[in-house]
Amino acid sequence: MACRKAILRQVAILWACYWIIRGHDSLKLIFEIKVGAGQFTDDQIVQLLKALAAKEGLTCSEIVAAYAKCRTKIANNLLTVRKDFPT
């Protein structure tokens, strides 16, 4: 019985970690979803955020420029993902 309780506690602790993915149009919240941290790797979250940003607000030219090599003539930083941690 004690082992079973320990396993249940570990599962509860795992699900206590999660990502909150939010999309904004200026100050208006247009999208929000909460997913368990184990659902995605960090790299998958970065790629997901880039895809959502591109889908909702960028032209094809802006998306191409966002993937161009840094410091080239067409490059921009419109799909740069920054980590934000609560204080």
Protein backbone atom coordinates (compact mmCIF):
# COMPACT_ATOMS: atom_id res chain seq x y z
CA MET A 1 0.00 0.00 0.00
CA ALA A 2 2.83 2.42 0.82
CA CYS A 3 4.44 1.85 -2.59
CA ARG A 4 1.16 2.58 -4.33
CA LYS A 5 0.78 5.88 -2.46
CA ALA A 6 4.35 6.85 -3.38
CA ILE A 7 3.64 6.15 -7.06
CA LEU A 8 0.46 8.22 -6.94
CA ARG A 9 2.35 11.11 -5.36
CA GLN A 10 4.97 11.00 -8.10
CA VAL A 11 2.28 11.15 -10.78
CA ALA A 12 0.60 14.07 -9.01
CA ILE A 13 3.91 15.93 -8.83
CA LEU A 14 4.58 15.29 -12.53
CA TRP A 15 1.22 16.76 -13.51
CA ALA A 16 1.78 19.79 -11.28
CA CYS A 17 4.25 20.99 -13.94
CA TYR A 18 2.61 22.42 -17.02
CA TRP A 19 2.90 24.87 -19.87
CA ILE A 20 0.40 27.69 -20.29
CA ILE A 21 0.41 28.71 -23.94
CA ARG A 22 -1.22 32.08 -24.59
CA GLY A 23 -1.75 34.08 -27.74
CA HIS A 24 -2.33 37.84 -27.68
CA ASP A 25 -3.49 40.37 -30.23
CA SER A 26 -2.04 43.54 -28.71
CA LEU A 27 -3.44 43.38 -25.17
CA LYS A 28 -6.37 41.08 -25.98
CA LEU A 29 -5.99 37.40 -25.10
CA ILE A 30 -7.09 35.39 -28.15
CA PHE A 31 -5.90 31.89 -27.24
CA GLU A 32 -4.99 29.96 -24.10
CA ILE A 33 -4.34 26.29 -23.41
CA LYS A 34 -2.74 24.47 -20.47
CA VAL A 35 -0.79 21.27 -21.22
CA GLY A 36 1.29 18.95 -19.06
CA ALA A 37 5.03 19.53 -19.19
CA GLY A 38 5.61 15.93 -20.24
CA GLN A 39 3.56 16.40 -23.42
CA PHE A 40 6.28 18.39 -25.24
CA THR A 41 10.05 18.81 -25.23
CA ASP A 42 11.43 22.33 -24.88
CA ASP A 43 12.31 22.35 -28.59
CA GLN A 44 8.78 21.27 -29.53
CA ILE A 45 7.34 24.13 -27.47
CA VAL A 46 9.60 26.62 -29.29
CA GLN A 47 8.53 25.25 -32.69
CA LEU A 48 4.86 25.28 -31.62
CA LEU A 49 5.07 28.93 -30.54
CA LYS A 50 6.70 29.89 -33.82
CA ALA A 51 3.98 28.09 -35.80
CA LEU A 52 1.19 29.75 -33.81
CA ALA A 53 2.74 33.20 -34.22
CA ALA A 54 3.24 32.70 -37.95
CA LYS A 55 -0.30 31.40 -38.44
CA GLU A 56 -1.99 34.24 -36.61
CA GLY A 57 -0.15 37.32 -37.71
CA LEU A 58 2.65 37.10 -40.26
CA THR A 59 2.73 37.34 -44.02
CA CYS A 60 4.54 34.71 -46.07
CA SER A 61 7.42 37.16 -46.64
CA GLU A 62 7.76 37.81 -42.91
CA ILE A 63 7.85 34.07 -42.18
CA VAL A 64 10.56 33.48 -44.80
CA ALA A 65 12.60 36.38 -43.39
CA ALA A 66 12.19 35.01 -39.86
CA TYR A 67 13.94 31.78 -40.92
CA ALA A 68 16.73 33.56 -42.83
CA LYS A 69 20.25 33.55 -41.42
CA CYS A 70 20.91 36.22 -38.80
CA ARG A 71 22.42 39.52 -39.95
CA THR A 72 21.40 38.99 -43.58
CA LYS A 73 19.53 41.63 -45.54
CA ILE A 74 16.10 39.97 -45.27
CA ALA A 75 16.39 38.57 -41.73
CA ASN A 76 14.02 39.63 -38.96
CA ASN A 77 13.36 38.44 -35.41
CA LEU A 78 9.57 38.13 -35.58
CA LEU A 79 9.63 34.47 -34.55
CA THR A 80 12.15 34.77 -31.72
CA VAL A 81 10.94 32.91 -28.64
CA ARG A 82 11.87 34.29 -25.25
CA LYS A 83 11.36 32.35 -22.02
CA ASP A 84 9.27 34.12 -19.42
CA PHE A 85 9.33 32.84 -15.85
CA PRO A 86 7.00 33.98 -13.07
CA THR A 87 8.62 35.97 -10.30
